[in-house]
Full PDB file with SEQRES, HELIX, SHEET, SSBOND, CRYST1, ORIGX, SCALE, CONECT and MASTER records, all heavy atoms in Angstrom:
SEQRES   1 A   35  ASP ASP TYR VAL TYR ILE VAL HIS SER GLY LEU LEU SER          
SEQRES   2 A   35  LYS THR THR MET ARG PHE ASP LYS ALA HIS PHE GLU TYR          
SEQRES   3 A   35  VAL LYS SER VAL ASP ARG VAL PRO GLU                          
HELIX    1 AA1 LEU A   11  ASP A   20  1                                  10    
HELIX    2 AA2 VAL A   30  ARG A   32  5                                   3    
SHEET    1 AA1 2 VAL A   4  VAL A   7  0                                        
SHEET    2 AA1 2 PHE A  24  VAL A  27  1                                        
CRYST1    1.000    1.000    1.000  90.00  90.00  90.00 P 1           1          
ORIGX1      1.000000  0.000000  0.000000        0.00000                         
ORIGX2      0.000000  1.000000  0.000000        0.00000                         
ORIGX3      0.000000  0.000000  1.000000        0.00000                         
SCALE1      1.000000  0.000000  0.000000        0.00000                         
SCALE2      0.000000  1.000000  0.000000        0.00000                         
SCALE3      0.000000  0.000000  1.000000        0.00000                         
ATOM      1  N   ASP A   1      14.086 153.849 236.705  1.00  0.00           N  
ATOM      2  CA  ASP A   1      13.146 152.972 235.992  1.00  0.00           C  
ATOM      3  C   ASP A   1      12.696 151.798 236.853  1.00  0.00           C  
ATOM      4  O   ASP A   1      11.511 151.560 237.033  1.00  0.00           O  
ATOM      5  CB  ASP A   1      13.793 152.422 234.712  1.00  0.00           C  
ATOM      6  CG  ASP A   1      13.708 153.399 233.556  1.00  0.00           C  
ATOM      7  OD1 ASP A   1      13.396 154.584 233.799  1.00  0.00           O  
ATOM      8  OD2 ASP A   1      13.962 152.987 232.410  1.00  0.00           O  
ATOM      9  N   ASP A   2      13.654 151.037 237.352  1.00  0.00           N  
ATOM     10  CA  ASP A   2      13.300 149.852 238.122  1.00  0.00           C  
ATOM     11  C   ASP A   2      14.304 149.640 239.249  1.00  0.00           C  
ATOM     12  O   ASP A   2      14.628 148.511 239.598  1.00  0.00           O  
ATOM     13  CB  ASP A   2      13.250 148.624 237.208  1.00  0.00           C  
ATOM     14  CG  ASP A   2      12.473 147.467 237.827  1.00  0.00           C  
ATOM     15  OD1 ASP A   2      11.533 147.739 238.596  1.00  0.00           O  
ATOM     16  OD2 ASP A   2      12.807 146.299 237.543  1.00  0.00           O  
ATOM     17  N   TYR A   3      14.802 150.746 239.777  1.00  0.00           N  
ATOM     18  CA  TYR A   3      15.856 150.674 240.787  1.00  0.00           C  
ATOM     19  C   TYR A   3      15.694 151.839 241.750  1.00  0.00           C  
ATOM     20  O   TYR A   3      15.321 152.937 241.341  1.00  0.00           O  
ATOM     21  CB  TYR A   3      17.227 150.738 240.123  1.00  0.00           C  
ATOM     22  CG  TYR A   3      18.346 150.182 240.965  1.00  0.00           C  
ATOM     23  CD1 TYR A   3      18.544 148.809 241.060  1.00  0.00           C  
ATOM     24  CD2 TYR A   3      19.186 151.023 241.678  1.00  0.00           C  
ATOM     25  CE1 TYR A   3      19.564 148.293 241.838  1.00  0.00           C  
ATOM     26  CE2 TYR A   3      20.207 150.518 242.462  1.00  0.00           C  
ATOM     27  CZ  TYR A   3      20.396 149.155 242.538  1.00  0.00           C  
ATOM     28  OH  TYR A   3      21.402 148.632 243.322  1.00  0.00           O  
ATOM     29  N   VAL A   4      15.985 151.579 243.025  1.00  0.00           N  
ATOM     30  CA  VAL A   4      15.804 152.595 244.052  1.00  0.00           C  
ATOM     31  C   VAL A   4      17.096 152.757 244.854  1.00  0.00           C  
ATOM     32  O   VAL A   4      17.694 151.772 245.290  1.00  0.00           O  
ATOM     33  CB  VAL A   4      14.668 152.226 245.028  1.00  0.00           C  
ATOM     34  CG1 VAL A   4      14.346 153.399 245.952  1.00  0.00           C  
ATOM     35  CG2 VAL A   4      13.421 151.777 244.280  1.00  0.00           C  
ATOM     36  N   TYR A   5      17.511 154.013 245.013  1.00  0.00           N  
ATOM     37  CA  TYR A   5      18.623 154.334 245.910  1.00  0.00           C  
ATOM     38  C   TYR A   5      18.020 154.856 247.214  1.00  0.00           C  
ATOM     39  O   TYR A   5      17.221 155.795 247.208  1.00  0.00           O  
ATOM     40  CB  TYR A   5      19.526 155.404 245.301  1.00  0.00           C  
ATOM     41  CG  TYR A   5      20.330 154.919 244.114  1.00  0.00           C  
ATOM     42  CD1 TYR A   5      19.820 155.009 242.827  1.00  0.00           C  
ATOM     43  CD2 TYR A   5      21.604 154.373 244.285  1.00  0.00           C  
ATOM     44  CE1 TYR A   5      20.548 154.572 241.736  1.00  0.00           C  
ATOM     45  CE2 TYR A   5      22.349 153.928 243.193  1.00  0.00           C  
ATOM     46  CZ  TYR A   5      21.820 154.032 241.926  1.00  0.00           C  
ATOM     47  OH  TYR A   5      22.543 153.594 240.844  1.00  0.00           O  
ATOM     48  N   ILE A   6      18.414 154.257 248.340  1.00  0.00           N  
ATOM     49  CA  ILE A   6      17.888 154.633 249.641  1.00  0.00           C  
ATOM     50  C   ILE A   6      18.955 155.402 250.415  1.00  0.00           C  
ATOM     51  O   ILE A   6      20.062 154.896 250.645  1.00  0.00           O  
ATOM     52  CB  ILE A   6      17.456 153.401 250.464  1.00  0.00           C  
ATOM     53  CG1 ILE A   6      16.409 152.583 249.707  1.00  0.00           C  
ATOM     54  CG2 ILE A   6      16.917 153.835 251.822  1.00  0.00           C  
ATOM     55  CD1 ILE A   6      15.083 153.279 249.526  1.00  0.00           C  
ATOM     56  N   VAL A   7      18.609 156.630 250.804  1.00  0.00           N  
ATOM     57  CA  VAL A   7      19.492 157.465 251.620  1.00  0.00           C  
ATOM     58  C   VAL A   7      18.898 157.517 253.029  1.00  0.00           C  
ATOM     59  O   VAL A   7      17.689 157.728 253.180  1.00  0.00           O  
ATOM     60  CB  VAL A   7      19.589 158.890 251.030  1.00  0.00           C  
ATOM     61  CG1 VAL A   7      20.610 159.719 251.825  1.00  0.00           C  
ATOM     62  CG2 VAL A   7      19.970 158.848 249.556  1.00  0.00           C  
ATOM     63  N   HIS A   8      19.729 157.342 254.047  1.00  0.00           N  
ATOM     64  CA  HIS A   8      19.267 157.358 255.448  1.00  0.00           C  
ATOM     65  C   HIS A   8      18.268 156.221 255.679  1.00  0.00           C  
ATOM     66  O   HIS A   8      17.109 156.457 255.988  1.00  0.00           O  
ATOM     67  CB  HIS A   8      18.601 158.693 255.822  1.00  0.00           C  
ATOM     68  CG  HIS A   8      19.449 159.884 255.554  1.00  0.00           C  
ATOM     69  ND1 HIS A   8      18.930 161.152 255.489  1.00  0.00           N  
ATOM     70  CD2 HIS A   8      20.779 160.025 255.338  1.00  0.00           C  
ATOM     71  CE1 HIS A   8      19.892 162.014 255.240  1.00  0.00           C  
ATOM     72  NE2 HIS A   8      21.026 161.353 255.142  1.00  0.00           N  
ATOM     73  N   SER A   9      18.696 155.011 255.513  1.00  0.00           N  
ATOM     74  CA  SER A   9      17.775 153.880 255.638  1.00  0.00           C  
ATOM     75  C   SER A   9      17.319 153.688 257.072  1.00  0.00           C  
ATOM     76  O   SER A   9      18.112 153.691 258.013  1.00  0.00           O  
ATOM     77  CB  SER A   9      18.452 152.601 255.141  1.00  0.00           C  
ATOM     78  OG  SER A   9      19.570 152.299 255.951  1.00  0.00           O  
ATOM     79  N   GLY A  10      16.006 153.552 257.218  1.00  0.00           N  
ATOM     80  CA  GLY A  10      15.400 153.285 258.517  1.00  0.00           C  
ATOM     81  C   GLY A  10      14.321 152.239 258.362  1.00  0.00           C  
ATOM     82  O   GLY A  10      14.151 151.643 257.288  1.00  0.00           O  
ATOM     83  N   LEU A  11      13.569 152.026 259.406  1.00  0.00           N  
ATOM     84  CA  LEU A  11      12.556 150.970 259.400  1.00  0.00           C  
ATOM     85  C   LEU A  11      11.499 151.204 258.328  1.00  0.00           C  
ATOM     86  O   LEU A  11      11.074 150.264 257.653  1.00  0.00           O  
ATOM     87  CB  LEU A  11      11.894 150.884 260.778  1.00  0.00           C  
ATOM     88  CG  LEU A  11      10.787 149.824 260.922  1.00  0.00           C  
ATOM     89  CD1 LEU A  11      11.347 148.428 260.673  1.00  0.00           C  
ATOM     90  CD2 LEU A  11      10.151 149.917 262.317  1.00  0.00           C  
ATOM     91  N   LEU A  12      11.062 152.460 258.139  1.00  0.00           N  
ATOM     92  CA  LEU A  12       9.983 152.731 257.188  1.00  0.00           C  
ATOM     93  C   LEU A  12      10.405 152.419 255.757  1.00  0.00           C  
ATOM     94  O   LEU A  12       9.666 151.781 255.006  1.00  0.00           O  
ATOM     95  CB  LEU A  12       9.533 154.189 257.308  1.00  0.00           C  
ATOM     96  CG  LEU A  12       8.865 154.580 258.626  1.00  0.00           C  
ATOM     97  CD1 LEU A  12       8.668 156.085 258.697  1.00  0.00           C  
ATOM     98  CD2 LEU A  12       7.530 153.858 258.785  1.00  0.00           C  
ATOM     99  N   SER A  13      11.594 152.854 255.368  1.00  0.00           N  
ATOM    100  CA  SER A  13      12.053 152.575 254.002  1.00  0.00           C  
ATOM    101  C   SER A  13      12.333 151.088 253.818  1.00  0.00           C  
ATOM    102  O   SER A  13      12.013 150.509 252.770  1.00  0.00           O  
ATOM    103  CB  SER A  13      13.291 153.396 253.668  1.00  0.00           C  
ATOM    104  OG  SER A  13      14.351 153.113 254.546  1.00  0.00           O  
ATOM    105  N   LYS A  14      12.900 150.454 254.830  1.00  0.00           N  
ATOM    106  CA  LYS A  14      13.188 149.022 254.726  1.00  0.00           C  
ATOM    107  C   LYS A  14      11.899 148.216 254.568  1.00  0.00           C  
ATOM    108  O   LYS A  14      11.837 147.263 253.792  1.00  0.00           O  
ATOM    109  CB  LYS A  14      13.948 148.549 255.970  1.00  0.00           C  
ATOM    110  CG  LYS A  14      15.389 149.032 256.023  1.00  0.00           C  
ATOM    111  CD  LYS A  14      16.068 148.607 257.319  1.00  0.00           C  
ATOM    112  CE  LYS A  14      17.511 149.101 257.371  1.00  0.00           C  
ATOM    113  NZ  LYS A  14      18.165 148.776 258.655  1.00  0.00           N  
ATOM    114  N   THR A  15      10.862 148.609 255.311  1.00  0.00           N  
ATOM    115  CA  THR A  15       9.583 147.906 255.212  1.00  0.00           C  
ATOM    116  C   THR A  15       8.989 148.046 253.813  1.00  0.00           C  
ATOM    117  O   THR A  15       8.478 147.078 253.243  1.00  0.00           O  
ATOM    118  CB  THR A  15       8.594 148.465 256.256  1.00  0.00           C  
ATOM    119  OG1 THR A  15       9.141 148.270 257.557  1.00  0.00           O  
ATOM    120  CG2 THR A  15       7.255 147.761 256.163  1.00  0.00           C  
ATOM    121  N   THR A  16       9.068 149.261 253.247  1.00  0.00           N  
ATOM    122  CA  THR A  16       8.534 149.479 251.895  1.00  0.00           C  
ATOM    123  C   THR A  16       9.287 148.646 250.877  1.00  0.00           C  
ATOM    124  O   THR A  16       8.677 148.022 249.995  1.00  0.00           O  
ATOM    125  CB  THR A  16       8.618 150.972 251.521  1.00  0.00           C  
ATOM    126  OG1 THR A  16       7.875 151.730 252.463  1.00  0.00           O  
ATOM    127  CG2 THR A  16       8.061 151.210 250.120  1.00  0.00           C  
ATOM    128  N   MET A  17      10.600 148.627 250.948  1.00  0.00           N  
ATOM    129  CA  MET A  17      11.390 147.848 249.985  1.00  0.00           C  
ATOM    130  C   MET A  17      11.063 146.359 250.087  1.00  0.00           C  
ATOM    131  O   MET A  17      10.960 145.665 249.072  1.00  0.00           O  
ATOM    132  CB  MET A  17      12.890 148.074 250.222  1.00  0.00           C  
ATOM    133  CG  MET A  17      13.381 149.489 249.935  1.00  0.00           C  
ATOM    134  SD  MET A  17      13.123 150.035 248.227  1.00  0.00           S  
ATOM    135  CE  MET A  17      11.651 151.071 248.424  1.00  0.00           C  
ATOM    136  N   ARG A  18      10.882 145.891 251.309  1.00  0.00           N  
ATOM    137  CA  ARG A  18      10.556 144.478 251.503  1.00  0.00           C  
ATOM    138  C   ARG A  18       9.168 144.170 250.950  1.00  0.00           C  
ATOM    139  O   ARG A  18       8.955 143.156 250.276  1.00  0.00           O  
ATOM    140  CB  ARG A  18      10.630 144.127 252.993  1.00  0.00           C  
ATOM    141  CG  ARG A  18      10.553 142.629 253.272  1.00  0.00           C  
ATOM    142  CD  ARG A  18      10.681 142.342 254.768  1.00  0.00           C  
ATOM    143  NE  ARG A  18      11.895 142.913 255.333  1.00  0.00           N  
ATOM    144  CZ  ARG A  18      11.910 143.875 256.258  1.00  0.00           C  
ATOM    145  NH1 ARG A  18      10.767 144.374 256.711  1.00  0.00           N  
ATOM    146  NH2 ARG A  18      13.053 144.336 256.733  1.00  0.00           N  
ATOM    147  N   PHE A  19       8.207 145.058 251.217  1.00  0.00           N  
ATOM    148  CA  PHE A  19       6.830 144.844 250.751  1.00  0.00           C  
ATOM    149  C   PHE A  19       6.758 144.880 249.226  1.00  0.00           C  
ATOM    150  O   PHE A  19       6.102 144.050 248.599  1.00  0.00           O  
ATOM    151  CB  PHE A  19       5.912 145.914 251.348  1.00  0.00           C  
ATOM    152  CG  PHE A  19       4.495 145.846 250.854  1.00  0.00           C  
ATOM    153  CD1 PHE A  19       3.605 144.909 251.368  1.00  0.00           C  
ATOM    154  CD2 PHE A  19       4.043 146.709 249.863  1.00  0.00           C  
ATOM    155  CE1 PHE A  19       2.302 144.831 250.912  1.00  0.00           C  
ATOM    156  CE2 PHE A  19       2.739 146.638 249.400  1.00  0.00           C  
ATOM    157  CZ  PHE A  19       1.864 145.701 249.923  1.00  0.00           C  
ATOM    158  N   ASP A  20       7.453 145.853 248.607  1.00  0.00           N  
ATOM    159  CA  ASP A  20       7.400 146.003 247.150  1.00  0.00           C  
ATOM    160  C   ASP A  20       8.322 145.040 246.412  1.00  0.00           C  
ATOM    161  O   ASP A  20       8.253 144.937 245.191  1.00  0.00           O  
ATOM    162  CB  ASP A  20       7.779 147.437 246.753  1.00  0.00           C  
ATOM    163  CG  ASP A  20       6.688 148.441 247.077  1.00  0.00           C  
ATOM    164  OD1 ASP A  20       5.561 148.004 247.410  1.00  0.00           O  
ATOM    165  OD2 ASP A  20       6.956 149.650 246.998  1.00  0.00           O  
ATOM    166  N   LYS A  21       9.206 144.351 247.163  1.00  0.00           N  
ATOM    167  CA  LYS A  21      10.212 143.473 246.537  1.00  0.00           C  
ATOM    168  C   LYS A  21      10.993 144.249 245.464  1.00  0.00           C  
ATOM    169  O   LYS A  21      11.223 143.776 244.358  1.00  0.00           O  
ATOM    170  CB  LYS A  21       9.559 142.227 245.948  1.00  0.00           C  
ATOM    171  CG  LYS A  21       8.903 141.325 246.991  1.00  0.00           C  
ATOM    172  CD  LYS A  21       8.309 140.071 246.359  1.00  0.00           C  
ATOM    173  CE  LYS A  21       7.811 139.083 247.408  1.00  0.00           C  
ATOM    174  NZ  LYS A  21       6.721 139.617 248.225  1.00  0.00           N  
ATOM    175  N   ALA A  22      11.370 145.471 245.825  1.00  0.00           N  
ATOM    176  CA  ALA A  22      12.047 146.366 244.885  1.00  0.00           C  
ATOM    177  C   ALA A  22      13.531 146.036 244.775  1.00  0.00           C  
ATOM    178  O   ALA A  22      14.138 145.477 245.700  1.00  0.00           O  
ATOM    179  CB  ALA A  22      11.861 147.816 245.327  1.00  0.00           C  
ATOM    180  N   HIS A  23      14.114 146.406 243.641  1.00  0.00           N  
ATOM    181  CA  HIS A  23      15.557 146.331 243.460  1.00  0.00           C  
ATOM    182  C   HIS A  23      16.140 147.629 244.013  1.00  0.00           C  
ATOM    183  O   HIS A  23      15.812 148.716 243.529  1.00  0.00           O  
ATOM    184  CB  HIS A  23      15.912 146.188 241.983  1.00  0.00           C  
ATOM    185  CG  HIS A  23      15.241 145.026 241.308  1.00  0.00           C  
ATOM    186  ND1 HIS A  23      15.404 143.731 241.728  1.00  0.00           N  
ATOM    187  CD2 HIS A  23      14.387 144.972 240.257  1.00  0.00           C  
ATOM    188  CE1 HIS A  23      14.699 142.915 240.957  1.00  0.00           C  
ATOM    189  NE2 HIS A  23      14.061 143.645 240.067  1.00  0.00           N  
ATOM    190  N   PHE A  24      17.032 147.539 245.013  1.00  0.00           N  
ATOM    191  CA  PHE A  24      17.491 148.763 245.666  1.00  0.00           C  
ATOM    192  C   PHE A  24      18.887 148.578 246.241  1.00  0.00           C  
ATOM    193  O   PHE A  24      19.401 147.461 246.351  1.00  0.00           O  
ATOM    194  CB  PHE A  24      16.517 149.169 246.779  1.00  0.00           C  
ATOM    195  CG  PHE A  24      16.521 148.238 247.965  1.00  0.00           C  
ATOM    196  CD1 PHE A  24      17.290 148.515 249.086  1.00  0.00           C  
ATOM    197  CD2 PHE A  24      15.753 147.075 247.958  1.00  0.00           C  
ATOM    198  CE1 PHE A  24      17.304 147.663 250.168  1.00  0.00           C  
ATOM    199  CE2 PHE A  24      15.754 146.215 249.044  1.00  0.00           C  
ATOM    200  CZ  PHE A  24      16.531 146.513 250.158  1.00  0.00           C  
ATOM    201  N   GLU A  25      19.474 149.723 246.607  1.00  0.00           N  
ATOM    202  CA  GLU A  25      20.715 149.705 247.366  1.00  0.00           C  
ATOM    203  C   GLU A  25      20.751 150.915 248.283  1.00  0.00           C  
ATOM    204  O   GLU A  25      20.108 151.941 248.019  1.00  0.00           O  
ATOM    205  CB  GLU A  25      21.947 149.702 246.454  1.00  0.00           C  
ATOM    206  CG  GLU A  25      22.184 150.976 245.683  1.00  0.00           C  
ATOM    207  CD  GLU A  25      23.466 150.920 244.867  1.00  0.00           C  
ATOM    208  OE1 GLU A  25      24.538 151.220 245.447  1.00  0.00           O  
ATOM    209  OE2 GLU A  25      23.401 150.586 243.670  1.00  0.00           O  
ATOM    210  N   TYR A  26      21.486 150.786 249.385  1.00  0.00           N  
ATOM    211  CA  TYR A  26      21.651 151.874 250.320  1.00  0.00           C  
ATOM    212  C   TYR A  26      22.880 152.686 249.946  1.00  0.00           C  
ATOM    213  O   TYR A  26      23.923 152.125 249.605  1.00  0.00           O  
ATOM    214  CB  TYR A  26      21.803 151.343 251.747  1.00  0.00           C  
ATOM    215  CG  TYR A  26      20.593 150.606 252.250  1.00  0.00           C  
ATOM    216  CD1 TYR A  26      20.653 149.258 252.589  1.00  0.00           C  
ATOM    217  CD2 TYR A  26      19.377 151.258 252.400  1.00  0.00           C  
ATOM    218  CE1 TYR A  26      19.538 148.575 253.059  1.00  0.00           C  
ATOM    219  CE2 TYR A  26      18.247 150.584 252.862  1.00  0.00           C  
ATOM    220  CZ  TYR A  26      18.347 149.247 253.184  1.00  0.00           C  
ATOM    221  OH  TYR A  26      17.245 148.581 253.644  1.00  0.00           O  
ATOM    222  N   VAL A  27      22.762 154.014 250.019  1.00  0.00           N  
ATOM    223  CA  VAL A  27      23.901 154.899 249.798  1.00  0.00           C  
ATOM    224  C   VAL A  27      23.984 155.881 250.956  1.00  0.00           C  
ATOM    225  O   VAL A  27      22.973 156.224 251.567  1.00  0.00           O  
ATOM    226  CB  VAL A  27      23.794 155.667 248.458  1.00  0.00           C  
ATOM    227  CG1 VAL A  27      23.929 154.723 247.271  1.00  0.00           C  
ATOM    228  CG2 VAL A  27      22.487 156.449 248.363  1.00  0.00           C  
ATOM    229  N   LYS A  28      25.193 156.357 251.243  1.00  0.00           N  
ATOM    230  CA  LYS A  28      25.386 157.242 252.387  1.00  0.00           C  
ATOM    231  C   LYS A  28      24.991 158.677 252.093  1.00  0.00           C  
ATOM    232  O   LYS A  28      24.722 159.455 253.015  1.00  0.00           O  
ATOM    233  CB  LYS A  28      26.838 157.170 252.849  1.00  0.00           C  
ATOM    234  CG  LYS A  28      27.222 155.820 253.446  1.00  0.00           C  
ATOM    235  CD  LYS A  28      28.660 155.840 253.946  1.00  0.00           C  
ATOM    236  CE  LYS A  28      29.034 154.505 254.577  1.00  0.00           C  
ATOM    237  NZ  LYS A  28      30.444 154.509 255.059  1.00  0.00           N  
ATOM    238  N   SER A  29      24.971 159.039 250.811  1.00  0.00           N  
ATOM    239  CA  SER A  29      24.706 160.430 250.446  1.00  0.00           C  
ATOM    240  C   SER A  29      24.001 160.504 249.108  1.00  0.00           C  
ATOM    241  O   SER A  29      24.204 159.631 248.241  1.00  0.00           O  
ATOM    242  CB  SER A  29      26.026 161.194 250.380  1.00  0.00           C  
ATOM    243  OG  SER A  29      25.868 162.437 249.731  1.00  0.00           O  
ATOM    244  N   VAL A  30      23.189 161.550 248.920  1.00  0.00           N  
ATOM    245  CA  VAL A  30      22.547 161.776 247.623  1.00  0.00           C  
ATOM    246  C   VAL A  30      23.597 161.971 246.536  1.00  0.00           C  
ATOM    247  O   VAL A  30      23.354 161.679 245.366  1.00  0.00           O  
ATOM    248  CB  VAL A  30      21.603 162.994 247.696  1.00  0.00           C  
ATOM    249  CG1 VAL A  30      21.003 163.300 246.325  1.00  0.00           C  
ATOM    250  CG2 VAL A  30      20.479 162.737 248.688  1.00  0.00           C  
ATOM    251  N   ASP A  31      24.781 162.439 246.912  1.00  0.00           N  
ATOM    252  CA  ASP A  31      25.849 162.643 245.930  1.00  0.00           C  
ATOM    253  C   ASP A  31      26.300 161.339 245.282  1.00  0.00           C  
ATOM    254  O   ASP A  31      26.951 161.361 244.234  1.00  0.00           O  
ATOM    255  CB  ASP A  31      27.057 163.320 246.593  1.00  0.00           C  
ATOM    256  CG  ASP A  31      26.744 164.745 247.031  1.00  0.00           C  
ATOM    257  OD1 ASP A  31      25.879 165.377 246.391  1.00  0.00           O  
ATOM    258  OD2 ASP A  31      27.355 165.217 248.012  1.00  0.00           O  
ATOM    259  N   ARG A  32      25.951 160.208 245.888  1.00  0.00           N  
ATOM    260  CA  ARG A  32      26.303 158.904 245.315  1.00  0.00           C  
ATOM    261  C   ARG A  32      25.266 158.403 244.322  1.00  0.00           C  
ATOM    262  O   ARG A  32      25.429 157.340 243.727  1.00  0.00           O  
ATOM    263  CB  ARG A  32      26.457 157.864 246.436  1.00  0.00           C  
ATOM    264  CG  ARG A  32      27.477 158.222 247.504  1.00  0.00           C  
ATOM    265  CD  ARG A  32      28.893 158.196 246.987  1.00  0.00           C  
ATOM    266  NE  ARG A  32      29.278 156.870 246.535  1.00  0.00           N  
ATOM    267  CZ  ARG A  32      29.792 155.926 247.327  1.00  0.00           C  
ATOM    268  NH1 ARG A  32      29.975 156.174 248.615  1.00  0.00           N  
ATOM    269  NH2 ARG A  32      30.138 154.747 246.835  1.00  0.00           N  
ATOM    270  N   VAL A  33      24.200 159.170 244.143  1.00  0.00           N  
ATOM    271  CA  VAL A  33      23.114 158.796 243.229  1.00  0.00           C  
ATOM    272  C   VAL A  33      23.369 159.438 241.860  1.00  0.00           C  
ATOM    273  O   VAL A  33      23.731 160.610 241.792  1.00  0.00           O  
ATOM    274  CB  VAL A  33      21.754 159.262 243.781  1.00  0.00           C  
ATOM    275  CG1 VAL A  33      20.631 158.903 242.830  1.00  0.00           C  
ATOM    276  CG2 VAL A  33      21.510 158.656 245.166  1.00  0.00           C  
ATOM    277  N   PRO A  34      23.192 158.698 240.752  1.00  0.00           N  
ATOM    278  CA  PRO A  34      23.367 159.298 239.423  1.00  0.00           C  
ATOM    279  C   PRO A  34      22.523 160.557 239.256  1.00  0.00           C  
ATOM    280  O   PRO A  34      21.409 160.647 239.777  1.00  0.00           O  
ATOM    281  CB  PRO A  34      22.909 158.186 238.474  1.00  0.00           C  
ATOM    282  CG  PRO A  34      23.140 156.927 239.239  1.00  0.00           C  
ATOM    283  CD  PRO A  34      22.861 157.265 240.674  1.00  0.00           C  
ATOM    284  N   GLU A  35      23.019 161.534 238.527  1.00  0.00           N  
ATOM    285  CA  GLU A  35      22.358 162.829 238.372  1.00  0.00           C  
ATOM    286  C   GLU A  35      21.092 162.761 237.528  1.00  0.00           C  
ATOM    287  O   GLU A  35      20.097 163.407 237.825  1.00  0.00           O  
ATOM    288  CB  GLU A  35      23.323 163.843 237.748  1.00  0.00           C  
ATOM    289  CG  GLU A  35      24.204 164.569 238.750  1.00  0.00           C  
ATOM    290  CD  GLU A  35      23.417 165.528 239.629  1.00  0.00           C  
ATOM    291  OE1 GLU A  35      22.629 166.334 239.100  1.00  0.00           O  
ATOM    292  OE2 GLU A  35      23.586 165.465 240.861  1.00  0.00           O  
TER     293      GLU A  35                                                      
MASTER        0    0    0    2    2    0    0    6  292    1    0    3          
END                                                                             
């Protein structure tokens, strides 16, 4: 709804999150994301 899980964070995803001022967190694997 209003939250983003980032897998494999790199410059492109970081730039988007910064530009959108999104609520997010980095996770090491998709398995850490709610189903």
